[in-house]
Amino acid sequence: MEGVRVDAAALAKLGRFIHRGAESDLYAIDFLGIPAVLKWRRPKPYRVEELDAEVRSSRTVREASVLIRLREAGLPVPDVLYVSPEDGFFIMSRVEGKVLRDHLLEGGEWSWIAERLGGVVARMHMAGVAHGDLTTSNVIVCGGDVVLIDFGLASLTEDIDEKAVDIDLLYRVLVSTHTEIAEGFFSKFTQAYLRTYGPPGEEVYKRFRAIQAMGRYVSREVRAKALGLWEADEE
């Protein structure tokens, strides 16, 4: 694709709108014959143009870099097909399956998913990545596997606190949204996580317990501020 410029607006018009988030739009598209997804951080008119370009570019590069690192580590995440930092978008392979949140709310089998997810999250953390938004809405059940998606808030890090925040967020989502299976799911998840990650994972788990001690229902933002992790998002 060297020397070929891909136009996000043109692709969006040809594609199917999927979702609009706080900072980006998602479109299902066909890219070189491959079922794909366009993630486009559109310009924000309320920001200074130069700042807007820098923010969109840096966040696009960061997210694509995270996905590439995880794919190279053999993790089940979308494959990056094309990146345009200057235009604030990238294209990734499309994942066909059911969102874990919906799967669980419909009473789907969850035991193997909890174990598989625990191992995948452990390997993600071992690869030096914290997801930043690890919820059941950002996991796709695809055949006999789980695929992690939406790394817009992810970071390349070895910080124990950031990894512990991942675990804490998943636990809180399970308790609030999937109450009946929350403890069983999290127990299997944790066992697989610790088994895969070993001693470093035990340190992450200890930090997760410390975060819990701050108050289960304190907001993620407040707890992150207490840990010195939170930076206000301009979005």
Protein backbone atom coordinates (compact mmCIF):
# COMPACT_ATOMS: atom_id res chain seq x y z
CA MET A 1 0.00 0.00 0.00
CA GLU A 2 3.05 2.30 -0.09
CA GLY A 3 2.30 5.43 -2.05
CA VAL A 4 -1.46 4.79 -2.10
CA ARG A 5 -3.63 7.22 -0.14
CA VAL A 6 -6.79 5.85 1.40
CA ASP A 7 -9.62 8.33 1.97
CA ALA A 8 -11.54 7.74 5.20
CA ALA A 9 -14.60 9.76 4.15
CA ALA A 10 -14.93 7.80 0.92
CA LEU A 11 -14.62 4.49 2.72
CA ALA A 12 -17.17 5.56 5.31
CA LYS A 13 -19.71 6.41 2.60
CA LEU A 14 -19.25 2.99 1.03
CA GLY A 15 -19.35 1.18 4.36
CA ARG A 16 -21.96 0.49 7.03
CA PHE A 17 -22.02 2.64 10.14
CA ILE A 18 -21.55 0.55 13.28
CA HIS A 19 -21.01 2.80 16.27
CA ARG A 20 -20.17 6.34 17.35
CA GLY A 21 -18.04 6.69 20.46
CA ALA A 22 -16.74 9.70 22.34
CA GLU A 23 -13.76 10.10 20.04
CA SER A 24 -14.26 7.92 16.98
CA ASP A 25 -16.70 6.40 14.49
CA LEU A 26 -16.69 2.77 13.40
CA TYR A 27 -17.72 1.53 9.94
CA ALA A 28 -17.89 -1.98 8.54
CA ILE A 29 -16.11 -1.87 5.18
CA ASP A 30 -14.53 -4.08 2.55
CA PHE A 31 -10.79 -3.41 2.28
CA LEU A 32 -8.93 -5.13 -0.53
CA GLY A 33 -11.46 -7.94 -0.39
CA ILE A 34 -11.10 -8.34 3.38
CA PRO A 35 -14.02 -7.78 5.79
CA ALA A 36 -12.71 -4.88 7.84
CA VAL A 37 -13.55 -2.05 10.23
CA LEU A 38 -12.62 1.59 9.74
CA LYS A 39 -11.96 3.44 13.01
CA TRP A 40 -11.97 7.15 12.26
CA ARG A 41 -11.21 9.89 14.75
CA ARG A 42 -12.98 12.74 13.03
CA PRO A 43 -11.72 16.34 13.41
CA LYS A 44 -13.09 18.15 16.46
CA PRO A 45 -14.12 21.70 15.46
CA TYR A 46 -14.05 22.93 19.07
CA ARG A 47 -10.29 22.27 19.34
CA VAL A 48 -7.47 24.35 17.91
CA GLU A 49 -6.71 22.79 14.54
CA GLU A 50 -3.04 22.03 15.25
CA LEU A 51 -3.84 20.50 18.64
CA ASP A 52 -6.69 18.49 17.18
CA ALA A 53 -4.43 17.04 14.50
CA GLU A 54 -1.81 16.09 17.08
CA VAL A 55 -4.33 14.46 19.42
CA ARG A 56 -6.00 12.45 16.66
CA SER A 57 -2.67 11.37 15.21
CA SER A 58 -1.07 10.34 18.51
CA ARG A 59 -4.10 8.38 19.67
CA THR A 60 -4.39 6.61 16.34
CA VAL A 61 -0.71 5.64 16.41
CA ARG A 62 -0.95 4.50 20.02
CA GLU A 63 -3.96 2.26 19.44
CA ALA A 64 -2.58 0.75 16.24
CA SER A 65 0.79 0.16 17.95
CA VAL A 66 -0.91 -1.68 20.80
CA LEU A 67 -2.81 -3.94 18.40
CA ILE A 68 0.32 -4.68 16.39
CA ARG A 69 2.27 -5.57 19.52
CA LEU A 70 -0.46 -7.91 20.72
CA ARG A 71 -0.82 -9.59 17.33
CA GLU A 72 2.93 -10.18 17.26
CA ALA A 73 2.62 -11.76 20.71
CA GLY A 74 -0.06 -14.11 19.36
CA LEU A 75 -3.00 -12.53 21.18
CA PRO A 76 -6.55 -12.71 19.75
CA VAL A 77 -7.08 -9.10 18.66
CA PRO A 78 -7.99 -7.52 15.31
CA ASP A 79 -5.22 -7.33 12.71
CA VAL A 80 -4.15 -3.82 11.67
CA LEU A 81 -4.40 -3.48 7.88
CA TYR A 82 -3.72 0.21 7.26
CA VAL A 83 -2.84 3.25 9.38
CA SER A 84 -3.13 6.94 8.50
CA PRO A 85 -1.98 9.00 11.52
CA GLU A 86 -2.25 12.30 9.66
CA ASP A 87 -5.94 11.65 8.92
CA GLY A 88 -6.71 10.09 12.31
CA PHE A 89 -7.86 6.65 11.21
CA PHE A 90 -6.81 3.06 10.84
CA ILE A 91 -8.34 -0.06 9.33
CA MET A 92 -8.44 -3.42 11.09
CA SER A 93 -9.81 -6.86 10.34
CA ARG A 94 -13.46 -7.40 11.27
CA VAL A 95 -14.24 -9.84 14.07
CA GLU A 96 -17.43 -11.85 13.60
CA GLY A 97 -19.05 -13.11 16.77
CA LYS A 98 -21.19 -12.05 19.73
CA VAL A 99 -20.31 -9.39 22.27
CA LEU A 100 -19.60 -11.11 25.60
CA ARG A 101 -22.00 -8.79 27.41
CA ASP A 102 -24.89 -9.96 25.24
CA HIS A 103 -23.78 -13.59 25.39
CA LEU A 104 -23.86 -13.53 29.19
CA LEU A 105 -27.12 -11.60 29.45
CA GLU A 106 -28.74 -14.21 27.20
CA GLY A 107 -27.65 -16.95 29.56
CA GLY A 108 -24.85 -18.35 27.42
CA GLU A 109 -22.30 -20.82 28.77
CA TRP A 110 -19.51 -18.90 30.46
CA SER A 111 -17.14 -21.25 32.32
CA TRP A 112 -14.68 -21.81 29.47
CA ILE A 113 -14.92 -18.15 28.49
CA ALA A 114 -13.88 -17.00 31.96
CA GLU A 115 -10.85 -19.29 31.90
CA ARG A 116 -9.87 -18.34 28.37
CA LEU A 117 -10.28 -14.63 29.10
CA GLY A 118 -8.14 -14.91 32.21
CA GLY A 119 -5.31 -16.40 30.17
CA VAL A 120 -5.66 -13.84 27.37
CA VAL A 121 -5.65 -10.86 29.76
CA ALA A 122 -2.61 -12.30 31.53
CA ARG A 123 -0.75 -12.60 28.23
CA MET A 124 -1.81 -9.06 27.32
CA HIS A 125 -0.33 -7.78 30.57
CA MET A 126 2.79 -9.89 30.02
CA ALA A 127 3.17 -8.17 26.64
CA GLY A 128 3.26 -4.81 28.41
CA VAL A 129 -0.25 -3.61 27.57
CA ALA A 130 -3.03 -2.37 29.85
CA HIS A 131 -6.39 -2.31 28.09
CA GLY A 132 -7.87 0.68 29.89
CA ASP A 133 -11.50 -0.34 29.29
CA LEU A 134 -11.69 -4.05 30.04
CA THR A 135 -15.43 -4.71 30.09
CA THR A 136 -17.67 -7.46 28.77
CA SER A 137 -18.64 -5.06 25.97
CA ASN A 138 -15.09 -5.13 24.65
CA VAL A 139 -14.77 -8.89 24.31
CA ILE A 140 -16.14 -10.83 21.34
CA VAL A 141 -17.02 -14.52 21.66
CA CYS A 142 -15.85 -15.91 18.35
CA GLY A 143 -16.32 -19.64 17.86
CA GLY A 144 -14.27 -21.34 20.55
CA ASP A 145 -12.22 -18.28 21.44
CA VAL A 146 -12.50 -14.75 22.80
CA VAL A 147 -11.20 -11.66 21.01
CA LEU A 148 -10.33 -8.40 22.75
CA ILE A 149 -11.42 -5.20 21.00
CA ASP A 150 -11.44 -1.40 21.46
CA PHE A 151 -7.98 -0.41 22.61
CA GLY A 152 -8.69 3.32 22.40
CA LEU A 153 -7.74 3.80 26.07
CA ALA A 154 -4.93 1.25 26.10
CA SER A 155 -1.35 2.00 27.06
CA LEU A 156 2.03 0.38 26.60
CA THR A 157 3.11 -0.05 30.19
CA GLU A 158 4.63 -2.31 32.81
CA ASP A 159 2.91 -0.43 35.61
CA ILE A 160 1.24 -2.78 38.10
CA ASP A 161 -1.40 -0.22 39.02
CA GLU A 162 -2.62 0.20 35.44
CA LYS A 163 -2.94 -3.55 35.03
CA ALA A 164 -4.76 -3.80 38.37
CA VAL A 165 -7.24 -1.17 37.17
CA ASP A 166 -8.04 -3.49 34.24
CA ILE A 167 -8.89 -6.29 36.66
CA ASP A 168 -10.88 -3.98 38.90
CA LEU A 169 -12.99 -2.64 36.05
CA LEU A 170 -13.82 -6.13 34.79
CA TYR A 171 -14.82 -7.20 38.29
CA ARG A 172 -17.09 -4.18 38.77
CA VAL A 173 -18.78 -4.75 35.41
CA LEU A 174 -19.40 -8.39 36.29
CA VAL A 175 -20.92 -7.45 39.65
CA SER A 176 -23.12 -4.68 38.26
CA THR A 177 -24.24 -6.25 34.97
CA HIS A 178 -23.84 -10.01 35.37
CA THR A 179 -24.63 -10.31 39.06
CA GLU A 180 -25.72 -13.95 39.21
CA ILE A 181 -22.53 -15.34 37.70
CA ALA A 182 -20.12 -12.59 38.76
CA GLU A 183 -18.27 -14.40 41.53
CA GLY A 184 -18.02 -17.71 39.68
CA PHE A 185 -16.87 -16.04 36.47
CA PHE A 186 -14.31 -13.89 38.26
CA SER A 187 -12.99 -16.84 40.24
CA LYS A 188 -12.29 -18.84 37.08
CA PHE A 189 -10.89 -15.74 35.38
CA THR A 190 -8.54 -15.07 38.28
CA GLN A 191 -7.31 -18.66 38.51
CA ALA A 192 -6.41 -18.67 34.81
CA TYR A 193 -4.86 -15.21 35.06
CA LEU A 194 -2.60 -16.17 37.96
CA ARG A 195 -1.72 -19.54 36.46
CA THR A 196 -0.65 -17.89 33.22
CA TYR A 197 1.11 -14.82 34.61
CA GLY A 198 2.76 -16.38 37.66
CA PRO A 199 4.39 -14.23 40.40
CA PRO A 200 4.04 -10.90 38.53
CA GLY A 201 0.33 -11.63 38.20
CA GLU A 202 0.12 -12.14 41.94
CA GLU A 203 1.45 -8.61 42.43
CA VAL A 204 -1.21 -7.27 40.05
CA TYR A 205 -3.89 -9.18 41.95
CA LYS A 206 -2.67 -7.79 45.28
CA ARG A 207 -2.90 -4.30 43.86
CA PHE A 208 -6.41 -5.04 42.61
CA ARG A 209 -7.38 -6.02 46.16
CA ALA A 210 -5.89 -2.76 47.41
CA ILE A 211 -7.98 -0.81 44.92
CA GLN A 212 -11.06 -2.67 46.11
CA ALA A 213 -10.27 -1.62 49.66
CA MET A 214 -10.64 2.01 48.58
CA GLY A 215 -14.35 1.34 48.16
CA ARG A 216 -16.06 -0.93 45.66
CA TYR A 217 -18.39 1.72 44.37
CA VAL A 218 -15.96 4.60 44.12
CA SER A 219 -15.75 5.67 40.48
CA ARG A 220 -12.93 4.52 38.24
CA GLU A 221 -11.84 8.13 37.82
CA VAL A 222 -11.59 8.75 41.57
CA ARG A 223 -9.62 5.56 42.15
CA ALA A 224 -7.35 6.25 39.22
CA LYS A 225 -6.68 9.73 40.57
CA ALA A 226 -5.81 8.22 43.93
CA LEU A 227 -3.29 5.99 42.17
CA GLY A 228 -1.94 8.91 40.16
CA LEU A 229 -3.03 7.30 36.88
CA TRP A 230 -5.83 9.57 35.72
CA GLU A 231 -5.43 12.30 33.17
CA ALA A 232 -8.48 14.21 32.07
CA ASP A 233 -9.49 13.20 28.56
CA GLU A 234 -10.15 16.15 26.34
CA GLU A 235 -12.82 14.16 24.61
